[in-house]
């Protein structure tokens, strides 16, 4: 059994919140640069150039890439041989989020009641924590800040098994294309297939954790990812919805078993500022 102190988790999460807001992952930035070099439309190429310049300024001057620093969504892999000393994991993540958003001068975007009393909690808590119990004595934490503009373009369809591959491609394409410029394209798109309605939605977000440029290990799903990317980019929506070759930077698909009568498909869209940070304790 390995013991990890509550304060260690708080400090780790605090730094993760700041790092995610200031610095794009290397794989995302590399893909954006590739899109700029491969973009034949001058206006679209100029927009992608501005995106790169913005990312460079944010990293150099240590300021947020975007004013919407997102809902703090966490994915945690907790080893069965890990024990938290001094408190519980959820409280530690929330405290780290609270401190990180305050000390990093990051915008608080969470309201405590979605309908009747939309009062801002002021510190971007509570965070949303998805946790998996795994073997071992390690604690791995990943933050995936989700801005409102891209999150609002998410989609879920409870397709029939008879809809097949064509139905999946049509739904994902239509969701991404109909979003237009709202999610600040070029986007990174996660797709979850299978499970139940709620499980597919979480799976779509998990798909966003895979590095941009890395296809699914199953060749069939890798081909589906490539087909979806081609279909979406053929729409011509382009950077910021103003036309161009690159509406999406990447599409990642994850799947899980489902009921014989069901075929849930969820789409989670990230803007070009596809922020994520992972820490292992």
C-alpha atoms as a PDB file:
ATOM      1  CA  UNK A   1       0.000   0.000   0.000  1.00  0.00           C
ATOM      2  CA  UNK A   2       1.342   3.432  -0.991  1.00  0.00           C
ATOM      3  CA  UNK A   3       0.270   6.622   0.758  1.00  0.00           C
ATOM      4  CA  UNK A   4      -0.075   9.942  -1.063  1.00  0.00           C
ATOM      5  CA  UNK A   5      -0.639  13.082   0.949  1.00  0.00           C
ATOM      6  CA  UNK A   6      -3.726  15.204   0.372  1.00  0.00           C
ATOM      7  CA  UNK A   7      -1.608  18.337  -0.012  1.00  0.00           C
ATOM      8  CA  UNK A   8       0.536  16.693  -2.707  1.00  0.00           C
ATOM      9  CA  UNK A   9      -2.566  16.154  -4.833  1.00  0.00           C
ATOM     10  CA  UNK A  10      -3.771  19.708  -4.179  1.00  0.00           C
ATOM     11  CA  UNK A  11      -0.466  21.226  -5.278  1.00  0.00           C
ATOM     12  CA  UNK A  12      -0.241  18.972  -8.323  1.00  0.00           C
ATOM     13  CA  UNK A  13      -3.760  19.815  -9.488  1.00  0.00           C
ATOM     14  CA  UNK A  14      -3.175  23.515  -8.856  1.00  0.00           C
ATOM     15  CA  UNK A  15      -0.180  23.540 -11.193  1.00  0.00           C
ATOM     16  CA  UNK A  16      -1.978  21.413 -13.779  1.00  0.00           C
ATOM     17  CA  UNK A  17      -4.811  23.952 -14.001  1.00  0.00           C
ATOM     18  CA  UNK A  18      -2.350  26.742 -14.722  1.00  0.00           C
ATOM     19  CA  UNK A  19      -0.213  24.757 -17.161  1.00  0.00           C
ATOM     20  CA  UNK A  20      -3.265  23.626 -19.136  1.00  0.00           C
ATOM     21  CA  UNK A  21      -4.520  27.201 -19.458  1.00  0.00           C
ATOM     22  CA  UNK A  22      -1.178  28.632 -20.596  1.00  0.00           C
ATOM     23  CA  UNK A  23       0.476  25.986 -22.798  1.00  0.00           C
ATOM     24  CA  UNK A  24      -0.904  23.870 -25.635  1.00  0.00           C
ATOM     25  CA  UNK A  25       0.262  20.231 -25.756  1.00  0.00           C
ATOM     26  CA  UNK A  26       3.125  19.687 -28.199  1.00  0.00           C
ATOM     27  CA  UNK A  27       1.106  17.280 -30.352  1.00  0.00           C
ATOM     28  CA  UNK A  28      -1.750  19.766 -30.745  1.00  0.00           C
ATOM     29  CA  UNK A  29       0.543  22.657 -31.630  1.00  0.00           C
ATOM     30  CA  UNK A  30       2.455  20.507 -34.122  1.00  0.00           C
ATOM     31  CA  UNK A  31      -0.810  19.550 -35.833  1.00  0.00           C
ATOM     32  CA  UNK A  32      -1.892  23.195 -36.002  1.00  0.00           C
ATOM     33  CA  UNK A  33       1.409  24.130 -37.633  1.00  0.00           C
ATOM     34  CA  UNK A  34       0.985  21.293 -40.103  1.00  0.00           C
ATOM     35  CA  UNK A  35      -2.522  22.548 -40.914  1.00  0.00           C
ATOM     36  CA  UNK A  36      -1.183  26.034 -41.579  1.00  0.00           C
ATOM     37  CA  UNK A  37       1.449  24.725 -43.960  1.00  0.00           C
ATOM     38  CA  UNK A  38      -1.120  22.542 -45.719  1.00  0.00           C
ATOM     39  CA  UNK A  39      -3.906  25.160 -45.936  1.00  0.00           C
ATOM     40  CA  UNK A  40      -4.405  26.388 -49.544  1.00  0.00           C
ATOM     41  CA  UNK A  41      -6.821  29.222 -48.714  1.00  0.00           C
ATOM     42  CA  UNK A  42      -5.003  32.476 -47.774  1.00  0.00           C
ATOM     43  CA  UNK A  43      -7.584  33.708 -45.258  1.00  0.00           C
ATOM     44  CA  UNK A  44      -7.736  30.329 -43.540  1.00  0.00           C
ATOM     45  CA  UNK A  45      -3.930  30.111 -43.483  1.00  0.00           C
ATOM     46  CA  UNK A  46      -3.775  33.580 -41.924  1.00  0.00           C
ATOM     47  CA  UNK A  47      -6.279  32.587 -39.226  1.00  0.00           C
ATOM     48  CA  UNK A  48      -4.256  29.495 -38.330  1.00  0.00           C
ATOM     49  CA  UNK A  49      -1.157  31.672 -38.210  1.00  0.00           C
ATOM     50  CA  UNK A  50      -2.888  33.931 -35.682  1.00  0.00           C
ATOM     51  CA  UNK A  51      -3.828  30.850 -33.633  1.00  0.00           C
ATOM     52  CA  UNK A  52      -0.144  29.842 -33.516  1.00  0.00           C
ATOM     53  CA  UNK A  53       0.916  33.368 -32.593  1.00  0.00           C
ATOM     54  CA  UNK A  54      -1.671  33.437 -29.796  1.00  0.00           C
ATOM     55  CA  UNK A  55      -0.416  30.111 -28.431  1.00  0.00           C
ATOM     56  CA  UNK A  56       3.187  31.366 -28.476  1.00  0.00           C
ATOM     57  CA  UNK A  57       2.262  34.581 -26.641  1.00  0.00           C
ATOM     58  CA  UNK A  58       0.306  32.636 -24.013  1.00  0.00           C
ATOM     59  CA  UNK A  59       3.179  30.254 -23.317  1.00  0.00           C
ATOM     60  CA  UNK A  60       5.839  33.000 -23.258  1.00  0.00           C
ATOM     61  CA  UNK A  61       3.958  35.575 -21.206  1.00  0.00           C
ATOM     62  CA  UNK A  62       2.200  32.978 -19.022  1.00  0.00           C
ATOM     63  CA  UNK A  63      -1.350  34.080 -19.742  1.00  0.00           C
ATOM     64  CA  UNK A  64      -4.392  32.020 -20.726  1.00  0.00           C
ATOM     65  CA  UNK A  65      -4.614  30.826 -24.323  1.00  0.00           C
ATOM     66  CA  UNK A  66      -8.326  31.709 -24.201  1.00  0.00           C
ATOM     67  CA  UNK A  67     -10.398  33.771 -21.778  1.00  0.00           C
ATOM     68  CA  UNK A  68     -12.703  30.758 -21.392  1.00  0.00           C
ATOM     69  CA  UNK A  69     -10.498  28.588 -19.217  1.00  0.00           C
ATOM     70  CA  UNK A  70     -13.187  25.945 -19.150  1.00  0.00           C
ATOM     71  CA  UNK A  71     -15.032  23.545 -16.943  1.00  0.00           C
ATOM     72  CA  UNK A  72     -12.279  21.662 -15.073  1.00  0.00           C
ATOM     73  CA  UNK A  73     -12.876  18.075 -16.184  1.00  0.00           C
ATOM     74  CA  UNK A  74     -10.573  15.449 -14.680  1.00  0.00           C
ATOM     75  CA  UNK A  75      -9.901  11.832 -15.556  1.00  0.00           C
ATOM     76  CA  UNK A  76      -8.256   9.908 -12.725  1.00  0.00           C
ATOM     77  CA  UNK A  77      -6.691   6.451 -12.713  1.00  0.00           C
ATOM     78  CA  UNK A  78      -6.307   5.433  -9.085  1.00  0.00           C
ATOM     79  CA  UNK A  79      -4.322   2.334  -8.222  1.00  0.00           C
ATOM     80  CA  UNK A  80      -5.981  -0.104  -5.843  1.00  0.00           C
ATOM     81  CA  UNK A  81      -2.843   0.078  -3.681  1.00  0.00           C
ATOM     82  CA  UNK A  82      -3.036   3.855  -3.203  1.00  0.00           C
ATOM     83  CA  UNK A  83      -4.264   5.477  -0.019  1.00  0.00           C
ATOM     84  CA  UNK A  84      -4.909   9.214   0.369  1.00  0.00           C
ATOM     85  CA  UNK A  85      -3.726  10.626   3.696  1.00  0.00           C
ATOM     86  CA  UNK A  86      -5.384  13.740   5.100  1.00  0.00           C
ATOM     87  CA  UNK A  87      -8.606  13.793   3.101  1.00  0.00           C
ATOM     88  CA  UNK A  88     -10.336  12.334   0.065  1.00  0.00           C
ATOM     89  CA  UNK A  89      -9.420  12.556  -3.587  1.00  0.00           C
ATOM     90  CA  UNK A  90     -12.423  14.595  -4.768  1.00  0.00           C
ATOM     91  CA  UNK A  91     -11.846  17.233  -2.105  1.00  0.00           C
ATOM     92  CA  UNK A  92      -8.165  17.422  -3.068  1.00  0.00           C
ATOM     93  CA  UNK A  93      -9.009  17.906  -6.762  1.00  0.00           C
ATOM     94  CA  UNK A  94     -11.522  20.620  -5.936  1.00  0.00           C
ATOM     95  CA  UNK A  95      -9.106  22.426  -3.642  1.00  0.00           C
ATOM     96  CA  UNK A  96      -6.366  22.256  -6.252  1.00  0.00           C
ATOM     97  CA  UNK A  97      -8.779  23.606  -8.863  1.00  0.00           C
ATOM     98  CA  UNK A  98      -9.838  26.421  -6.540  1.00  0.00           C
ATOM     99  CA  UNK A  99      -6.246  27.457  -5.863  1.00  0.00           C
ATOM    100  CA  UNK A 100      -5.082  27.013  -9.453  1.00  0.00           C
ATOM    101  CA  UNK A 101      -7.822  29.118 -10.978  1.00  0.00           C
ATOM    102  CA  UNK A 102      -7.300  31.845  -8.374  1.00  0.00           C
ATOM    103  CA  UNK A 103      -3.503  31.994  -8.497  1.00  0.00           C
ATOM    104  CA  UNK A 104      -3.371  31.604 -12.274  1.00  0.00           C
ATOM    105  CA  UNK A 105      -5.893  34.428 -12.793  1.00  0.00           C
ATOM    106  CA  UNK A 106      -8.154  32.023 -14.668  1.00  0.00           C
ATOM    107  CA  UNK A 107     -11.812  32.807 -15.230  1.00  0.00           C
ATOM    108  CA  UNK A 108     -14.404  31.188 -12.989  1.00  0.00           C
ATOM    109  CA  UNK A 109     -17.098  29.876 -15.308  1.00  0.00           C
ATOM    110  CA  UNK A 110     -19.217  27.576 -13.135  1.00  0.00           C
ATOM    111  CA  UNK A 111     -22.696  28.449 -11.826  1.00  0.00           C
ATOM    112  CA  UNK A 112     -24.056  26.571  -8.828  1.00  0.00           C
ATOM    113  CA  UNK A 113     -27.578  26.087 -10.199  1.00  0.00           C
ATOM    114  CA  UNK A 114     -28.187  25.559 -13.924  1.00  0.00           C
ATOM    115  CA  UNK A 115     -31.782  26.810 -13.960  1.00  0.00           C
ATOM    116  CA  UNK A 116     -33.140  28.884 -11.076  1.00  0.00           C
ATOM    117  CA  UNK A 117     -30.163  30.668  -9.521  1.00  0.00           C
ATOM    118  CA  UNK A 118     -27.239  30.866 -11.929  1.00  0.00           C
ATOM    119  CA  UNK A 119     -24.801  32.261  -9.389  1.00  0.00           C
ATOM    120  CA  UNK A 120     -21.114  31.992 -10.242  1.00  0.00           C
ATOM    121  CA  UNK A 121     -19.160  29.946  -7.698  1.00  0.00           C
ATOM    122  CA  UNK A 122     -16.254  32.347  -8.413  1.00  0.00           C
ATOM    123  CA  UNK A 123     -13.496  29.728  -8.198  1.00  0.00           C
ATOM    124  CA  UNK A 124     -14.461  27.331 -11.019  1.00  0.00           C
ATOM    125  CA  UNK A 125     -15.485  24.586  -8.629  1.00  0.00           C
ATOM    126  CA  UNK A 126     -16.844  22.024  -8.380  1.00  0.00           C
ATOM    127  CA  UNK A 127     -14.646  20.177 -10.817  1.00  0.00           C
ATOM    128  CA  UNK A 128     -15.984  17.178 -12.693  1.00  0.00           C
ATOM    129  CA  UNK A 129     -14.066  14.011 -11.837  1.00  0.00           C
ATOM    130  CA  UNK A 130     -14.248  10.712 -13.737  1.00  0.00           C
ATOM    131  CA  UNK A 131     -12.384   7.992 -11.875  1.00  0.00           C
ATOM    132  CA  UNK A 132     -11.205   4.511 -12.839  1.00  0.00           C
ATOM    133  CA  UNK A 133      -9.779   2.043 -10.330  1.00  0.00           C
ATOM    134  CA  UNK A 134      -6.755   0.257 -11.762  1.00  0.00           C
ATOM    135  CA  UNK A 135      -4.086  -2.150 -10.541  1.00  0.00           C
ATOM    136  CA  UNK A 136      -0.944  -0.822  -8.917  1.00  0.00           C
ATOM    137  CA  UNK A 137       0.148   1.958  -6.591  1.00  0.00           C
ATOM    138  CA  UNK A 138       0.122   4.962  -8.929  1.00  0.00           C
ATOM    139  CA  UNK A 139      -2.249   7.870  -9.159  1.00  0.00           C
ATOM    140  CA  UNK A 140      -2.582   9.408 -12.623  1.00  0.00           C
ATOM    141  CA  UNK A 141      -4.546  12.625 -13.050  1.00  0.00           C
ATOM    142  CA  UNK A 142      -5.456  14.291 -16.345  1.00  0.00           C
ATOM    143  CA  UNK A 143      -7.208  17.637 -16.692  1.00  0.00           C
ATOM    144  CA  UNK A 144      -9.244  18.382 -19.814  1.00  0.00           C
ATOM    145  CA  UNK A 145     -10.585  21.943 -19.534  1.00  0.00           C
ATOM    146  CA  UNK A 146     -13.761  22.236 -21.660  1.00  0.00           C
ATOM    147  CA  UNK A 147     -14.776  25.662 -22.858  1.00  0.00           C
ATOM    148  CA  UNK A 148     -18.460  26.446 -23.165  1.00  0.00           C
ATOM    149  CA  UNK A 149     -18.381  27.242 -26.874  1.00  0.00           C
ATOM    150  CA  UNK A 150     -17.116  23.810 -27.894  1.00  0.00           C
ATOM    151  CA  UNK A 151     -18.939  21.879 -25.167  1.00  0.00           C
ATOM    152  CA  UNK A 152     -22.258  23.355 -26.339  1.00  0.00           C
ATOM    153  CA  UNK A 153     -21.682  21.705 -29.720  1.00  0.00           C
ATOM    154  CA  UNK A 154     -21.558  18.192 -28.246  1.00  0.00           C
ATOM    155  CA  UNK A 155     -23.954  15.616 -29.626  1.00  0.00           C
ATOM    156  CA  UNK A 156     -25.540  12.302 -28.644  1.00  0.00           C
ATOM    157  CA  UNK A 157     -27.559   9.961 -30.845  1.00  0.00           C
ATOM    158  CA  UNK A 158     -29.157   6.689 -29.844  1.00  0.00           C
ATOM    159  CA  UNK A 159     -28.791   5.045 -33.232  1.00  0.00           C
ATOM    160  CA  UNK A 160     -30.270   1.719 -34.211  1.00  0.00           C
ATOM    161  CA  UNK A 161     -27.823  -1.098 -34.948  1.00  0.00           C
ATOM    162  CA  UNK A 162     -29.302  -1.159 -38.466  1.00  0.00           C
ATOM    163  CA  UNK A 163     -28.030   2.412 -39.015  1.00  0.00           C
ATOM    164  CA  UNK A 164     -24.579   0.865 -39.219  1.00  0.00           C
ATOM    165  CA  UNK A 165     -21.346   2.566 -40.148  1.00  0.00           C
ATOM    166  CA  UNK A 166     -23.064   4.955 -42.543  1.00  0.00           C
ATOM    167  CA  UNK A 167     -25.321   6.194 -39.752  1.00  0.00           C
ATOM    168  CA  UNK A 168     -22.353   6.812 -37.457  1.00  0.00           C
ATOM    169  CA  UNK A 169     -20.442   8.751 -40.113  1.00  0.00           C
ATOM    170  CA  UNK A 170     -23.471  10.877 -40.975  1.00  0.00           C
ATOM    171  CA  UNK A 171     -24.201  11.773 -37.352  1.00  0.00           C
ATOM    172  CA  UNK A 172     -20.605  12.656 -36.479  1.00  0.00           C
ATOM    173  CA  UNK A 173     -20.140  14.641 -39.681  1.00  0.00           C
ATOM    174  CA  UNK A 174     -23.418  16.520 -39.275  1.00  0.00           C
ATOM    175  CA  UNK A 175     -22.650  17.338 -35.637  1.00  0.00           C
ATOM    176  CA  UNK A 176     -19.199  18.730 -36.469  1.00  0.00           C
ATOM    177  CA  UNK A 177     -20.268  20.584 -39.609  1.00  0.00           C
ATOM    178  CA  UNK A 178     -23.490  22.049 -38.205  1.00  0.00           C
ATOM    179  CA  UNK A 179     -21.449  23.459 -35.317  1.00  0.00           C
ATOM    180  CA  UNK A 180     -19.990  25.902 -37.836  1.00  0.00           C
ATOM    181  CA  UNK A 181     -17.684  28.458 -36.263  1.00  0.00           C
ATOM    182  CA  UNK A 182     -19.147  28.105 -32.754  1.00  0.00           C
ATOM    183  CA  UNK A 183     -16.476  25.736 -31.375  1.00  0.00           C
ATOM    184  CA  UNK A 184     -13.619  27.839 -32.836  1.00  0.00           C
ATOM    185  CA  UNK A 185     -12.386  25.436 -35.524  1.00  0.00           C
ATOM    186  CA  UNK A 186     -10.153  23.835 -36.527  1.00  0.00           C
ATOM    187  CA  UNK A 187     -11.339  21.424 -33.863  1.00  0.00           C
ATOM    188  CA  UNK A 188     -10.235  18.185 -32.254  1.00  0.00           C
ATOM    189  CA  UNK A 189     -13.129  15.740 -32.116  1.00  0.00           C
ATOM    190  CA  UNK A 190     -13.695  12.806 -29.783  1.00  0.00           C
ATOM    191  CA  UNK A 191     -16.237  10.122 -30.629  1.00  0.00           C
ATOM    192  CA  UNK A 192     -17.591   7.518 -28.211  1.00  0.00           C
ATOM    193  CA  UNK A 193     -19.465   4.513 -29.573  1.00  0.00           C
ATOM    194  CA  UNK A 194     -21.285   1.950 -27.445  1.00  0.00           C
ATOM    195  CA  UNK A 195     -22.205   1.568 -23.810  1.00  0.00           C
ATOM    196  CA  UNK A 196     -25.209   3.591 -22.711  1.00  0.00           C
ATOM    197  CA  UNK A 197     -26.112   7.232 -23.336  1.00  0.00           C
ATOM    198  CA  UNK A 198     -24.047   8.443 -20.377  1.00  0.00           C
ATOM    199  CA  UNK A 199     -21.146   6.039 -20.967  1.00  0.00           C
ATOM    200  CA  UNK A 200     -20.841   7.009 -24.637  1.00  0.00           C
ATOM    201  CA  UNK A 201     -20.628  10.693 -23.674  1.00  0.00           C
ATOM    202  CA  UNK A 202     -17.802  10.054 -21.199  1.00  0.00           C
ATOM    203  CA  UNK A 203     -16.075   7.838 -23.754  1.00  0.00           C
ATOM    204  CA  UNK A 204     -16.171  10.667 -26.312  1.00  0.00           C
ATOM    205  CA  UNK A 205     -14.337  12.914 -23.851  1.00  0.00           C
ATOM    206  CA  UNK A 206     -11.839  10.150 -23.096  1.00  0.00           C
ATOM    207  CA  UNK A 207     -11.134   9.969 -26.816  1.00  0.00           C
ATOM    208  CA  UNK A 208      -9.862  13.559 -26.586  1.00  0.00           C
ATOM    209  CA  UNK A 209      -7.118  12.390 -24.229  1.00  0.00           C
ATOM    210  CA  UNK A 210      -5.362  10.425 -26.954  1.00  0.00           C
ATOM    211  CA  UNK A 211      -2.528  12.446 -28.538  1.00  0.00           C
ATOM    212  CA  UNK A 212      -3.409  14.135 -31.810  1.00  0.00           C
ATOM    213  CA  UNK A 213      -1.919  12.165 -34.704  1.00  0.00           C
ATOM    214  CA  UNK A 214      -2.204   8.757 -33.023  1.00  0.00           C
ATOM    215  CA  UNK A 215      -4.815   6.502 -34.599  1.00  0.00           C
ATOM    216  CA  UNK A 216      -6.768   3.771 -32.848  1.00  0.00           C
ATOM    217  CA  UNK A 217      -4.860   0.491 -32.448  1.00  0.00           C
ATOM    218  CA  UNK A 218      -7.706  -1.365 -34.173  1.00  0.00           C
ATOM    219  CA  UNK A 219      -7.263  -0.819 -37.912  1.00  0.00           C
ATOM    220  CA  UNK A 220     -11.026  -0.742 -38.484  1.00  0.00           C
ATOM    221  CA  UNK A 221     -11.495   2.133 -36.074  1.00  0.00           C
ATOM    222  CA  UNK A 222      -8.358   3.856 -37.366  1.00  0.00           C
ATOM    223  CA  UNK A 223      -9.906   3.792 -40.844  1.00  0.00           C
ATOM    224  CA  UNK A 224     -13.153   5.193 -39.411  1.00  0.00           C
ATOM    225  CA  UNK A 225     -11.203   8.044 -37.796  1.00  0.00           C
ATOM    226  CA  UNK A 226      -9.559   8.907 -41.114  1.00  0.00           C
ATOM    227  CA  UNK A 227     -12.860   8.721 -42.989  1.00  0.00           C
ATOM    228  CA  UNK A 228     -14.546  10.998 -40.451  1.00  0.00           C
ATOM    229  CA  UNK A 229     -11.726  13.542 -40.653  1.00  0.00           C
ATOM    230  CA  UNK A 230     -11.945  13.578 -44.454  1.00  0.00           C
ATOM    231  CA  UNK A 231     -15.738  13.924 -44.408  1.00  0.00           C
ATOM    232  CA  UNK A 232     -15.648  16.814 -41.935  1.00  0.00           C
ATOM    233  CA  UNK A 233     -12.875  18.665 -43.747  1.00  0.00           C
ATOM    234  CA  UNK A 234     -14.613  18.238 -47.085  1.00  0.00           C
ATOM    235  CA  UNK A 235     -17.394  20.480 -45.734  1.00  0.00           C
ATOM    236  CA  UNK A 236     -15.283  23.604 -46.235  1.00  0.00           C
ATOM    237  CA  UNK A 237     -16.381  25.156 -42.911  1.00  0.00           C
ATOM    238  CA  UNK A 238     -12.735  25.941 -42.252  1.00  0.00           C
ATOM    239  CA  UNK A 239     -10.897  27.842 -39.513  1.00  0.00           C
ATOM    240  CA  UNK A 240     -13.263  29.951 -37.387  1.00  0.00           C
ATOM    241  CA  UNK A 241     -16.073  28.918 -39.764  1.00  0.00           C
ATOM    242  CA  UNK A 242     -14.820  31.305 -42.473  1.00  0.00           C
ATOM    243  CA  UNK A 243     -13.968  28.691 -45.079  1.00  0.00           C
ATOM    244  CA  UNK A 244     -10.951  26.537 -45.730  1.00  0.00           C
ATOM    245  CA  UNK A 245      -9.553  23.031 -45.869  1.00  0.00           C
ATOM    246  CA  UNK A 246      -9.166  22.455 -42.127  1.00  0.00           C
ATOM    247  CA  UNK A 247     -12.426  22.271 -40.165  1.00  0.00           C
ATOM    248  CA  UNK A 248     -10.970  19.605 -37.872  1.00  0.00           C
ATOM    249  CA  UNK A 249      -7.407  18.817 -36.904  1.00  0.00           C
ATOM    250  CA  UNK A 250      -8.082  15.264 -35.756  1.00  0.00           C
ATOM    251  CA  UNK A 251     -10.791  12.744 -34.926  1.00  0.00           C
ATOM    252  CA  UNK A 252     -10.302  10.067 -32.268  1.00  0.00           C
ATOM    253  CA  UNK A 253     -12.790   7.231 -31.741  1.00  0.00           C
ATOM    254  CA  UNK A 254     -13.182   4.993 -28.702  1.00  0.00           C
ATOM    255  CA  UNK A 255     -15.689   2.166 -28.326  1.00  0.00           C
ATOM    256  CA  UNK A 256     -17.104  -0.199 -25.711  1.00  0.00           C
ATOM    257  CA  UNK A 257     -19.655  -3.029 -25.605  1.00  0.00           C
ATOM    258  CA  UNK A 258     -23.338  -2.139 -25.808  1.00  0.00           C
ATOM    259  CA  UNK A 259     -26.813  -3.661 -25.647  1.00  0.00           C
ATOM    260  CA  UNK A 260     -27.939  -5.769 -28.624  1.00  0.00           C
ATOM    261  CA  UNK A 261     -30.739  -3.253 -29.320  1.00  0.00           C
ATOM    262  CA  UNK A 262     -28.571  -0.130 -29.050  1.00  0.00           C
ATOM    263  CA  UNK A 263     -25.793   1.782 -30.778  1.00  0.00           C
ATOM    264  CA  UNK A 264     -25.149   5.016 -28.849  1.00  0.00           C
ATOM    265  CA  UNK A 265     -22.828   7.537 -30.519  1.00  0.00           C
ATOM    266  CA  UNK A 266     -21.539  10.648 -28.723  1.00  0.00           C
ATOM    267  CA  UNK A 267     -19.451  13.498 -30.076  1.00  0.00           C
ATOM    268  CA  UNK A 268     -17.284  15.743 -27.899  1.00  0.00           C
ATOM    269  CA  UNK A 269     -15.682  18.712 -29.643  1.00  0.00           C
ATOM    270  CA  UNK A 270     -12.602  20.599 -28.508  1.00  0.00           C
ATOM    271  CA  UNK A 271     -11.691  23.960 -30.013  1.00  0.00           C
ATOM    272  CA  UNK A 272      -8.233  24.439 -31.530  1.00  0.00           C
ATOM    273  CA  UNK A 273      -7.041  25.153 -27.972  1.00  0.00           C
ATOM    274  CA  UNK A 274      -7.290  21.463 -27.126  1.00  0.00           C
ATOM    275  CA  UNK A 275      -5.899  21.763 -23.621  1.00  0.00           C
ATOM    276  CA  UNK A 276      -4.884  18.808 -21.446  1.00  0.00           C
ATOM    277  CA  UNK A 277      -2.210  18.000 -18.881  1.00  0.00           C
ATOM    278  CA  UNK A 278      -1.385  14.682 -17.191  1.00  0.00           C
ATOM    279  CA  UNK A 279       0.504  14.136 -13.946  1.00  0.00           C
ATOM    280  CA  UNK A 280       1.486  10.852 -12.314  1.00  0.00           C
ATOM    281  CA  UNK A 281       2.065  10.520  -8.568  1.00  0.00           C
END
